[in-house]
Amino acid sequence: MKNQPQSSLMQKAMELVQLTIALEKLILDDNEYLQTTSRFMLENAFLIPAKIAGAEGVDLYDLKMENAAIIRKAARELSVQAGSLRFEKKINSNDYILLVRNAIDDFRLLFIEWVKTFDINNYIPDAWGLFNPPGVFPEDFYKDDNGLPYDSKEKLEDYDKNFNDFLDFDDDDEV
């Protein structure tokens, strides 16, 4: 694979990683809560470029959207985690916190434009119904044994009944 210049989105994601690392270095080792928060922040920061690379490595809309959802979640969590540090007396550099949160907002705008580039005509139907293009529904593709669309409500009721049967076991019953 030949080297291609990084997209603006990936560049901003890598900037988020660097800012998060810098912010993490300000956190003292003696505070377990802050250490845990900083680990979560680093996990989220590193997850973002990894999922961008994953989305860029596939052409299918549903897989791109799945990665995009994970990216969005990680960025939102990182913003909340960084913001929570403002209330810690041992963190005396709100400038880094503000830099991280501003970079996330800049990233969000690039992210919105990036998602618009996904080809909605190139997909595999998502049986869960979460990452299908607009207007595509699982019941249009997934059929029961008789070739009829699954009735989601009926299937859910069957699942609930079977699950309740599972929970209502009796130790004296023979297997």
N, C-alpha and C. Protein backbone atom coordinates (compact mmCIF):
# COMPACT_ATOMS: atom_id res chain seq x y z
N MET A 1 0.85 -1.18 0.00
CA MET A 1 0.00 0.00 0.00
C MET A 1 0.89 1.24 0.00
N LYS A 2 0.66 2.11 -0.92
CA LYS A 2 1.50 3.31 -1.00
C LYS A 2 1.09 4.33 0.06
N ASN A 3 2.06 5.12 0.47
CA ASN A 3 1.79 6.15 1.47
C ASN A 3 0.96 7.26 0.86
N GLN A 4 -0.11 7.58 1.55
CA GLN A 4 -0.97 8.68 1.11
C GLN A 4 -0.94 9.74 2.20
N PRO A 5 -1.11 10.99 1.82
CA PRO A 5 -1.14 12.03 2.85
C PRO A 5 -2.34 11.80 3.78
N GLN A 6 -2.12 12.11 5.06
CA GLN A 6 -3.20 11.95 6.02
C GLN A 6 -4.31 12.94 5.76
N SER A 7 -5.52 12.48 5.96
CA SER A 7 -6.68 13.36 5.82
C SER A 7 -6.68 14.38 6.95
N SER A 8 -7.43 15.44 6.77
CA SER A 8 -7.58 16.45 7.82
C SER A 8 -8.16 15.83 9.08
N LEU A 9 -9.08 14.89 8.89
CA LEU A 9 -9.70 14.22 10.03
C LEU A 9 -8.65 13.43 10.81
N MET A 10 -7.82 12.67 10.12
CA MET A 10 -6.79 11.88 10.79
C MET A 10 -5.76 12.80 11.45
N GLN A 11 -5.41 13.89 10.80
CA GLN A 11 -4.47 14.84 11.40
C GLN A 11 -5.03 15.40 12.70
N LYS A 12 -6.31 15.74 12.69
CA LYS A 12 -6.94 16.28 13.90
C LYS A 12 -7.03 15.20 14.98
N ALA A 13 -7.28 13.96 14.57
CA ALA A 13 -7.32 12.85 15.53
C ALA A 13 -5.95 12.66 16.19
N MET A 14 -4.90 12.76 15.41
CA MET A 14 -3.55 12.62 15.96
C MET A 14 -3.21 13.81 16.87
N GLU A 15 -3.73 14.97 16.53
CA GLU A 15 -3.56 16.13 17.42
C GLU A 15 -4.25 15.87 18.75
N LEU A 16 -5.43 15.27 18.71
CA LEU A 16 -6.13 14.91 19.95
C LEU A 16 -5.30 13.96 20.80
N VAL A 17 -4.67 13.00 20.16
CA VAL A 17 -3.81 12.06 20.88
C VAL A 17 -2.68 12.82 21.58
N GLN A 18 -2.01 13.70 20.85
CA GLN A 18 -0.89 14.45 21.42
C GLN A 18 -1.34 15.36 22.57
N LEU A 19 -2.46 16.03 22.40
CA LEU A 19 -2.98 16.90 23.46
C LEU A 19 -3.37 16.09 24.69
N THR A 20 -3.95 14.93 24.47
CA THR A 20 -4.36 14.08 25.59
C THR A 20 -3.14 13.56 26.34
N ILE A 21 -2.11 13.18 25.61
CA ILE A 21 -0.87 12.73 26.25
C ILE A 21 -0.28 13.87 27.09
N ALA A 22 -0.26 15.07 26.55
CA ALA A 22 0.27 16.23 27.28
C ALA A 22 -0.57 16.50 28.54
N LEU A 23 -1.88 16.41 28.42
CA LEU A 23 -2.75 16.63 29.57
C LEU A 23 -2.55 15.53 30.61
N GLU A 24 -2.39 14.31 30.15
CA GLU A 24 -2.20 13.17 31.06
C GLU A 24 -0.93 13.34 31.88
N LYS A 25 0.09 13.95 31.32
CA LYS A 25 1.36 14.15 32.04
C LYS A 25 1.22 15.14 33.20
N LEU A 26 0.16 15.94 33.19
CA LEU A 26 -0.07 16.89 34.28
C LEU A 26 -0.73 16.24 35.48
N ILE A 27 -1.18 15.01 35.31
CA ILE A 27 -1.93 14.34 36.37
C ILE A 27 -0.96 13.65 37.32
N LEU A 28 -1.16 13.91 38.60
CA LEU A 28 -0.27 13.37 39.63
C LEU A 28 -0.53 11.88 39.85
N ASP A 29 0.52 11.18 40.22
CA ASP A 29 0.43 9.73 40.42
C ASP A 29 -0.32 9.34 41.69
N ASP A 30 -0.51 10.25 42.61
CA ASP A 30 -1.07 9.87 43.91
C ASP A 30 -2.60 9.89 43.97
N ASN A 31 -3.25 10.17 42.87
CA ASN A 31 -4.71 10.25 42.88
C ASN A 31 -5.28 9.16 41.96
N GLU A 32 -5.86 8.14 42.58
CA GLU A 32 -6.36 6.99 41.82
C GLU A 32 -7.47 7.39 40.84
N TYR A 33 -8.36 8.27 41.27
CA TYR A 33 -9.44 8.72 40.39
C TYR A 33 -8.87 9.40 39.14
N LEU A 34 -7.92 10.30 39.35
CA LEU A 34 -7.33 11.01 38.21
C LEU A 34 -6.54 10.07 37.31
N GLN A 35 -5.86 9.11 37.90
CA GLN A 35 -5.13 8.13 37.10
C GLN A 35 -6.08 7.31 36.24
N THR A 36 -7.19 6.89 36.83
CA THR A 36 -8.19 6.12 36.08
C THR A 36 -8.79 6.97 34.97
N THR A 37 -9.13 8.20 35.29
CA THR A 37 -9.68 9.10 34.27
C THR A 37 -8.69 9.30 33.13
N SER A 38 -7.42 9.49 33.47
CA SER A 38 -6.42 9.71 32.42
C SER A 38 -6.24 8.47 31.55
N ARG A 39 -6.34 7.28 32.15
CA ARG A 39 -6.25 6.04 31.34
C ARG A 39 -7.42 5.97 30.37
N PHE A 40 -8.62 6.28 30.86
CA PHE A 40 -9.80 6.27 29.97
C PHE A 40 -9.64 7.31 28.86
N MET A 41 -9.10 8.46 29.21
CA MET A 41 -8.89 9.51 28.20
C MET A 41 -7.92 9.03 27.12
N LEU A 42 -6.83 8.40 27.54
CA LEU A 42 -5.86 7.90 26.56
C LEU A 42 -6.47 6.80 25.69
N GLU A 43 -7.25 5.91 26.31
CA GLU A 43 -7.92 4.86 25.52
C GLU A 43 -8.80 5.47 24.45
N ASN A 44 -9.59 6.45 24.83
CA ASN A 44 -10.49 7.10 23.87
C ASN A 44 -9.71 7.84 22.79
N ALA A 45 -8.67 8.55 23.20
CA ALA A 45 -7.88 9.32 22.23
C ALA A 45 -7.22 8.39 21.21
N PHE A 46 -6.67 7.27 21.65
CA PHE A 46 -6.02 6.34 20.73
C PHE A 46 -7.02 5.55 19.90
N LEU A 47 -8.21 5.36 20.41
CA LEU A 47 -9.24 4.62 19.68
C LEU A 47 -9.70 5.40 18.44
N ILE A 48 -9.74 6.70 18.53
CA ILE A 48 -10.26 7.53 17.43
C ILE A 48 -9.47 7.34 16.13
N PRO A 49 -8.15 7.53 16.11
CA PRO A 49 -7.44 7.32 14.83
C PRO A 49 -7.48 5.86 14.37
N ALA A 50 -7.51 4.92 15.31
CA ALA A 50 -7.58 3.51 14.92
C ALA A 50 -8.88 3.22 14.18
N LYS A 51 -9.98 3.78 14.66
CA LYS A 51 -11.27 3.54 14.01
C LYS A 51 -11.40 4.32 12.71
N ILE A 52 -10.75 5.47 12.62
CA ILE A 52 -10.73 6.19 11.33
C ILE A 52 -10.02 5.31 10.30
N ALA A 53 -8.88 4.76 10.69
CA ALA A 53 -8.14 3.87 9.78
C ALA A 53 -8.99 2.67 9.40
N GLY A 54 -9.72 2.11 10.36
CA GLY A 54 -10.60 0.98 10.07
C GLY A 54 -11.69 1.35 9.09
N ALA A 55 -12.27 2.51 9.27
CA ALA A 55 -13.34 2.96 8.36
C ALA A 55 -12.78 3.27 6.97
N GLU A 56 -11.58 3.82 6.93
CA GLU A 56 -10.97 4.13 5.64
C GLU A 56 -10.56 2.87 4.89
N GLY A 57 -10.38 1.78 5.63
CA GLY A 57 -9.93 0.54 5.03
C GLY A 57 -11.04 -0.30 4.42
N VAL A 58 -12.29 0.14 4.57
CA VAL A 58 -13.43 -0.59 4.00
C VAL A 58 -14.24 0.35 3.12
N ASP A 59 -15.01 -0.25 2.23
CA ASP A 59 -15.87 0.56 1.36
C ASP A 59 -17.33 0.50 1.77
N LEU A 60 -17.70 -0.47 2.57
CA LEU A 60 -19.11 -0.69 2.90
C LEU A 60 -19.64 0.36 3.87
N TYR A 61 -20.78 0.92 3.52
CA TYR A 61 -21.41 1.97 4.32
C TYR A 61 -21.64 1.52 5.76
N ASP A 62 -22.19 0.31 5.91
CA ASP A 62 -22.54 -0.15 7.25
C ASP A 62 -21.30 -0.29 8.14
N LEU A 63 -20.19 -0.75 7.59
CA LEU A 63 -18.97 -0.87 8.39
C LEU A 63 -18.36 0.49 8.68
N LYS A 64 -18.44 1.40 7.72
CA LYS A 64 -17.95 2.76 7.96
C LYS A 64 -18.78 3.42 9.08
N MET A 65 -20.09 3.24 9.03
CA MET A 65 -20.96 3.84 10.04
C MET A 65 -20.72 3.23 11.42
N GLU A 66 -20.45 1.94 11.46
CA GLU A 66 -20.15 1.30 12.74
C GLU A 66 -18.90 1.92 13.35
N ASN A 67 -17.86 2.09 12.55
CA ASN A 67 -16.65 2.75 13.03
C ASN A 67 -16.92 4.19 13.42
N ALA A 68 -17.73 4.88 12.63
CA ALA A 68 -18.06 6.28 12.92
C ALA A 68 -18.77 6.41 14.26
N ALA A 69 -19.66 5.47 14.57
CA ALA A 69 -20.37 5.51 15.85
C ALA A 69 -19.40 5.33 17.01
N ILE A 70 -18.44 4.45 16.85
CA ILE A 70 -17.44 4.23 17.90
C ILE A 70 -16.56 5.47 18.06
N ILE A 71 -16.20 6.10 16.95
CA ILE A 71 -15.41 7.33 16.98
C ILE A 71 -16.17 8.43 17.72
N ARG A 72 -17.44 8.59 17.38
CA ARG A 72 -18.27 9.62 18.02
C ARG A 72 -18.34 9.38 19.52
N LYS A 73 -18.57 8.14 19.92
CA LYS A 73 -18.65 7.80 21.34
C LYS A 73 -17.34 8.12 22.04
N ALA A 74 -16.22 7.73 21.44
CA ALA A 74 -14.92 7.98 22.06
C ALA A 74 -14.64 9.48 22.19
N ALA A 75 -14.96 10.24 21.17
CA ALA A 75 -14.73 11.69 21.21
C ALA A 75 -15.61 12.36 22.27
N ARG A 76 -16.85 11.94 22.35
CA ARG A 76 -17.75 12.52 23.37
C ARG A 76 -17.27 12.17 24.77
N GLU A 77 -16.86 10.92 24.97
CA GLU A 77 -16.36 10.52 26.29
C GLU A 77 -15.09 11.29 26.64
N LEU A 78 -14.21 11.45 25.67
CA LEU A 78 -12.97 12.20 25.90
C LEU A 78 -13.28 13.64 26.30
N SER A 79 -14.25 14.24 25.67
CA SER A 79 -14.64 15.61 26.01
C SER A 79 -15.17 15.69 27.44
N VAL A 80 -16.01 14.75 27.81
CA VAL A 80 -16.56 14.73 29.18
C VAL A 80 -15.45 14.47 30.19
N GLN A 81 -14.59 13.51 29.89
CA GLN A 81 -13.50 13.19 30.81
C GLN A 81 -12.56 14.38 30.99
N ALA A 82 -12.19 15.02 29.90
CA ALA A 82 -11.33 16.21 30.01
C ALA A 82 -12.04 17.31 30.78
N GLY A 83 -13.31 17.50 30.49
CA GLY A 83 -14.08 18.53 31.20
C GLY A 83 -14.17 18.27 32.69
N SER A 84 -14.24 16.99 33.07
CA SER A 84 -14.35 16.65 34.49
C SER A 84 -13.10 17.04 35.26
N LEU A 85 -11.99 17.15 34.59
CA LEU A 85 -10.73 17.52 35.26
C LEU A 85 -10.75 18.96 35.76
N ARG A 86 -11.62 19.79 35.19
CA ARG A 86 -11.70 21.20 35.62
C ARG A 86 -12.04 21.31 37.10
N PHE A 87 -12.72 20.30 37.63
CA PHE A 87 -13.19 20.35 39.01
C PHE A 87 -12.18 19.78 40.00
N GLU A 88 -11.05 19.33 39.51
CA GLU A 88 -10.02 18.75 40.37
C GLU A 88 -9.04 19.84 40.80
N LYS A 89 -8.88 19.99 42.09
CA LYS A 89 -7.99 21.02 42.62
C LYS A 89 -6.53 20.76 42.26
N LYS A 90 -6.20 19.48 42.06
CA LYS A 90 -4.80 19.13 41.76
C LYS A 90 -4.44 19.38 40.30
N ILE A 91 -5.42 19.69 39.48
CA ILE A 91 -5.14 20.03 38.08
C ILE A 91 -5.16 21.55 37.99
N ASN A 92 -4.01 22.12 37.73
CA ASN A 92 -3.94 23.58 37.72
C ASN A 92 -3.74 24.15 36.32
N SER A 93 -4.00 23.33 35.31
CA SER A 93 -3.84 23.84 33.94
C SER A 93 -5.12 23.62 33.15
N ASN A 94 -6.04 24.54 33.32
CA ASN A 94 -7.28 24.45 32.54
C ASN A 94 -7.04 24.76 31.07
N ASP A 95 -5.87 25.32 30.75
CA ASP A 95 -5.56 25.61 29.34
C ASP A 95 -5.53 24.34 28.50
N TYR A 96 -4.87 23.29 29.02
CA TYR A 96 -4.82 22.02 28.28
C TYR A 96 -6.21 21.42 28.13
N ILE A 97 -6.99 21.52 29.18
CA ILE A 97 -8.35 20.99 29.13
C ILE A 97 -9.13 21.70 28.02
N LEU A 98 -9.01 23.00 27.98
CA LEU A 98 -9.70 23.79 26.95
C LEU A 98 -9.16 23.45 25.56
N LEU A 99 -7.86 23.25 25.44
CA LEU A 99 -7.28 22.87 24.15
C LEU A 99 -7.85 21.54 23.66
N VAL A 100 -7.94 20.57 24.56
CA VAL A 100 -8.49 19.26 24.18
C VAL A 100 -9.94 19.40 23.75
N ARG A 101 -10.73 20.11 24.53
CA ARG A 101 -12.15 20.24 24.20
C ARG A 101 -12.37 21.03 22.91
N ASN A 102 -11.57 22.06 22.67
CA ASN A 102 -11.67 22.80 21.41
C ASN A 102 -11.26 21.94 20.22
N ALA A 103 -10.21 21.13 20.41
CA ALA A 103 -9.77 20.23 19.34
C ALA A 103 -10.86 19.20 19.03
N ILE A 104 -11.56 18.75 20.05
CA ILE A 104 -12.66 17.80 19.83
C ILE A 104 -13.77 18.48 19.03
N ASP A 105 -14.06 19.72 19.34
CA ASP A 105 -15.10 20.42 18.58
C ASP A 105 -14.68 20.63 17.13
N ASP A 106 -13.42 20.97 16.90
CA ASP A 106 -12.91 21.07 15.52
C ASP A 106 -12.99 19.72 14.82
N PHE A 107 -12.63 18.66 15.55
CA PHE A 107 -12.70 17.30 15.01
C PHE A 107 -14.14 16.96 14.62
N ARG A 108 -15.08 17.35 15.47
CA ARG A 108 -16.50 17.07 15.21
C ARG A 108 -16.94 17.64 13.86
N LEU A 109 -16.52 18.85 13.56
CA LEU A 109 -16.91 19.47 12.29
C LEU A 109 -16.31 18.73 11.10
N LEU A 110 -15.06 18.31 11.22
CA LEU A 110 -14.44 17.51 10.15
C LEU A 110 -15.12 16.15 10.03
N PHE A 111 -15.48 15.58 11.16
CA PHE A 111 -16.15 14.28 11.21
C PHE A 111 -17.48 14.32 10.45
N ILE A 112 -18.25 15.37 10.67
CA ILE A 112 -19.55 15.53 9.99
C ILE A 112 -19.36 15.50 8.48
N GLU A 113 -18.37 16.23 7.99
CA GLU A 113 -18.11 16.25 6.55
C GLU A 113 -17.62 14.90 6.05
N TRP A 114 -16.81 14.24 6.84
CA TRP A 114 -16.28 12.93 6.48
C TRP A 114 -17.40 11.90 6.31
N VAL A 115 -18.33 11.88 7.27
CA VAL A 115 -19.44 10.92 7.21
C VAL A 115 -20.29 11.15 5.96
N LYS A 116 -20.41 12.39 5.53
CA LYS A 116 -21.18 12.69 4.31
C LYS A 116 -20.58 12.04 3.07
N THR A 117 -19.31 11.65 3.13
CA THR A 117 -18.66 11.05 1.96
C THR A 117 -18.93 9.55 1.84
N PHE A 118 -19.55 8.94 2.84
CA PHE A 118 -19.81 7.50 2.80
C PHE A 118 -20.82 7.19 1.70
N ASP A 119 -20.55 6.16 0.92
CA ASP A 119 -21.40 5.76 -0.20
C ASP A 119 -22.58 4.94 0.32
N ILE A 120 -23.77 5.54 0.35
CA ILE A 120 -24.95 4.85 0.89
C ILE A 120 -25.44 3.73 -0.02
N ASN A 121 -24.91 3.64 -1.22
CA ASN A 121 -25.33 2.58 -2.14
C ASN A 121 -24.46 1.33 -2.04
N ASN A 122 -23.42 1.38 -1.25
CA ASN A 122 -22.50 0.25 -1.11
C ASN A 122 -22.59 -0.27 0.32
N TYR A 123 -23.45 -1.25 0.54
CA TYR A 123 -23.67 -1.73 1.90
C TYR A 123 -24.10 -3.20 1.88
N ILE A 124 -23.96 -3.81 3.02
CA ILE A 124 -24.56 -5.11 3.29
C ILE A 124 -25.62 -4.82 4.34
N PRO A 125 -26.84 -5.31 4.16
CA PRO A 125 -27.89 -5.00 5.14
C PRO A 125 -27.49 -5.40 6.56
N ASP A 126 -27.74 -4.50 7.48
CA ASP A 126 -27.45 -4.73 8.89
C ASP A 126 -28.68 -5.34 9.54
N ALA A 127 -28.58 -6.60 9.94
CA ALA A 127 -29.71 -7.30 10.54
C ALA A 127 -30.17 -6.66 11.84
N TRP A 128 -29.30 -5.89 12.46
CA TRP A 128 -29.65 -5.20 13.69
C TRP A 128 -30.38 -3.88 13.41
N GLY A 129 -30.31 -3.42 12.18
CA GLY A 129 -31.03 -2.22 11.78
C GLY A 129 -30.38 -0.91 12.18
N LEU A 130 -29.20 -0.97 12.74
CA LEU A 130 -28.58 0.25 13.26
C LEU A 130 -27.76 1.00 12.23
N PHE A 131 -27.07 0.29 11.34
CA PHE A 131 -26.15 0.94 10.43
C PHE A 131 -26.55 0.80 8.97
N ASN A 132 -27.82 0.65 8.72
CA ASN A 132 -28.31 0.63 7.35
C ASN A 132 -28.42 2.06 6.83
N PRO A 133 -28.28 2.24 5.52
CA PRO A 133 -28.51 3.57 4.95
C PRO A 133 -29.96 4.00 5.18
N PRO A 134 -30.24 5.28 5.09
CA PRO A 134 -31.61 5.76 5.25
C PRO A 134 -32.57 5.02 4.31
N GLY A 135 -33.71 4.60 4.85
CA GLY A 135 -34.72 3.93 4.05
C GLY A 135 -34.52 2.44 3.88
N VAL A 136 -33.46 1.87 4.44
CA VAL A 136 -33.21 0.44 4.35
C VAL A 136 -33.51 -0.18 5.71
N PHE A 137 -34.34 -1.22 5.70
CA PHE A 137 -34.78 -1.84 6.94
C PHE A 137 -34.45 -3.33 6.93
N PRO A 138 -34.11 -3.90 8.08
CA PRO A 138 -33.73 -5.31 8.14
C PRO A 138 -34.82 -6.24 7.60
N GLU A 139 -36.06 -5.91 7.89
CA GLU A 139 -37.15 -6.79 7.45
C GLU A 139 -37.28 -6.85 5.93
N ASP A 140 -36.65 -5.91 5.23
CA ASP A 140 -36.65 -5.95 3.77
C ASP A 140 -35.74 -7.06 3.24
N PHE A 141 -34.82 -7.54 4.08
CA PHE A 141 -33.82 -8.50 3.63
C PHE A 141 -33.85 -9.81 4.39
N TYR A 142 -34.18 -9.75 5.65
CA TYR A 142 -34.10 -10.94 6.49
C TYR A 142 -35.48 -11.55 6.63
N LYS A 143 -35.58 -12.81 6.22
CA LYS A 143 -36.87 -13.51 6.17
C LYS A 143 -36.85 -14.70 7.12
N ASP A 144 -38.04 -15.14 7.50
CA ASP A 144 -38.13 -16.35 8.31
C ASP A 144 -38.07 -17.57 7.41
N ASP A 145 -38.29 -18.75 7.96
CA ASP A 145 -38.19 -19.99 7.19
C ASP A 145 -39.22 -20.07 6.07
N ASN A 146 -40.29 -19.30 6.16
CA ASN A 146 -41.33 -19.31 5.13
C ASN A 146 -41.13 -18.22 4.08
N GLY A 147 -40.02 -17.50 4.16
CA GLY A 147 -39.76 -16.44 3.21
C GLY A 147 -40.47 -15.15 3.54
N LEU A 148 -41.08 -15.08 4.72
CA LEU A 148 -41.78 -13.87 5.14
C LEU A 148 -40.84 -13.00 5.98
N PRO A 149 -41.04 -11.69 5.93
CA PRO A 149 -40.19 -10.82 6.75
C PRO A 149 -40.38 -11.15 8.23
N TYR A 150 -39.29 -11.06 8.97
CA TYR A 150 -39.39 -11.26 10.40
C TYR A 150 -40.31 -10.21 10.99
N ASP A 151 -41.15 -10.65 11.90
CA ASP A 151 -41.99 -9.73 12.66
C ASP A 151 -41.23 -9.43 13.95
N SER A 152 -40.62 -8.27 14.01
CA SER A 152 -39.76 -7.93 15.13
C SER A 152 -40.49 -8.04 16.46
N LYS A 153 -41.71 -7.54 16.52
CA LYS A 153 -42.46 -7.57 17.77
C LYS A 153 -42.72 -9.00 18.19
N GLU A 154 -43.13 -9.84 17.23
CA GLU A 154 -43.40 -11.24 17.53
C GLU A 154 -42.12 -11.94 17.98
N LYS A 155 -41.01 -11.68 17.30
CA LYS A 155 -39.73 -12.30 17.67
C LYS A 155 -39.31 -11.85 19.07
N LEU A 156 -39.52 -10.59 19.40
CA LEU A 156 -39.16 -10.09 20.71
C LEU A 156 -40.02 -10.75 21.78
N GLU A 157 -41.31 -10.91 21.50
CA GLU A 157 -42.19 -11.59 22.45
C GLU A 157 -41.75 -13.04 22.65
N ASP A 158 -41.38 -13.72 21.55
CA ASP A 158 -40.88 -15.10 21.66
C ASP A 158 -39.60 -15.13 22.49
N TYR A 159 -38.73 -14.18 22.26
CA TYR A 159 -37.47 -14.11 23.00
C TYR A 159 -37.75 -13.92 24.49
N ASP A 160 -38.64 -12.97 24.81
CA ASP A 160 -38.98 -12.72 26.21
C ASP A 160 -39.55 -13.96 26.86
N LYS A 161 -40.45 -14.65 26.15
CA LYS A 161 -41.06 -15.87 26.70
C LYS A 161 -39.98 -16.93 26.94
N ASN A 162 -39.13 -17.15 25.96
CA ASN A 162 -38.07 -18.16 26.12
C ASN A 162 -37.09 -17.78 27.22
N PHE A 163 -36.78 -16.50 27.34
CA PHE A 163 -35.86 -16.06 28.37
C PHE A 163 -36.48 -16.25 29.74
N ASN A 164 -37.77 -15.92 29.87
CA ASN A 164 -38.46 -16.11 31.15
C ASN A 164 -38.53 -17.60 31.49
N ASP A 165 -38.76 -18.45 30.50
CA ASP A 165 -38.75 -19.90 30.74
C ASP A 165 -37.37 -20.33 31.25
N PHE A 166 -36.35 -19.77 30.69
CA PHE A 166 -34.99 -20.08 31.11
C PHE A 166 -34.78 -19.68 32.57
N LEU A 167 -35.29 -18.52 32.95
CA LEU A 167 -35.12 -18.04 34.32
C LEU A 167 -35.96 -18.82 35.32
N ASP A 168 -37.06 -19.42 34.86
CA ASP A 168 -37.97 -20.15 35.76
C ASP A 168 -37.62 -21.63 35.87
N PHE A 169 -36.36 -21.96 35.84
CA PHE A 169 -35.99 -23.37 35.94
C PHE A 169 -36.15 -23.85 37.37
N ASP A 170 -36.32 -25.14 37.52
CA ASP A 170 -36.47 -25.76 38.83
C ASP A 170 -35.35 -26.77 38.97
N ASP A 171 -34.66 -26.74 40.08
CA ASP A 171 -33.52 -27.64 40.28
C ASP A 171 -33.92 -29.11 40.25
N ASP A 172 -35.21 -29.38 40.50
CA ASP A 172 -35.68 -30.77 40.52
C ASP A 172 -36.01 -31.29 39.13
N ASP A 173 -36.08 -30.42 38.14
CA ASP A 173 -36.41 -30.85 36.78
C ASP A 173 -35.28 -31.70 36.22
N GLU A 174 -35.67 -32.73 35.49
CA GLU A 174 -34.67 -33.55 34.83
C GLU A 174 -34.32 -32.92 33.49
N VAL A 175 -33.09 -33.10 33.12
CA VAL A 175 -32.64 -32.55 31.85
C VAL A 175 -32.76 -33.57 30.77
